[in-house]
Amino acid sequence: MATHKKTDFNSQDQQISMIAGAMSHPARIAILRILADHKRLSCGEIVELLPLAQATVSHHLKELMAVQLIKMTNEGKKSLYEVNQSTWNIYTKDIAHLLTMLNNTGA
């Protein structure tokens, strides 16, 4: 019998799926690139670099934070966003392993 429950899959597959989902919008990819280039920025600073409204950028930041691809720190009244390097280190290994397996299929 077919299954549709995410919990029936191993944790590595679930993590890769969550990452792929969070990165499935071009605005989120752009935000990740911007944060990789600039290290730490406020939502307003990110808005200045994208053709998107503040509310839209804020929504995408929340999506990226939900899977811990980025993190937020408070400096006074300002919230700064940055890449969560420890999470990326784990996810990079999982994705690299999957890509290696796919590349070795002989297809």
Foldseek 3Di string as FASTA:
>chain_A
DDDDDPVVDDPLVVLLVLVCVLVVDPLLVVVQVVQVVVVKDFLVVVCVVDVDDSVVSVVSVVSCVVSPQKDWDDDPPTIIIHGNVVSCVVNVVSVVVVVVVVVPPVD
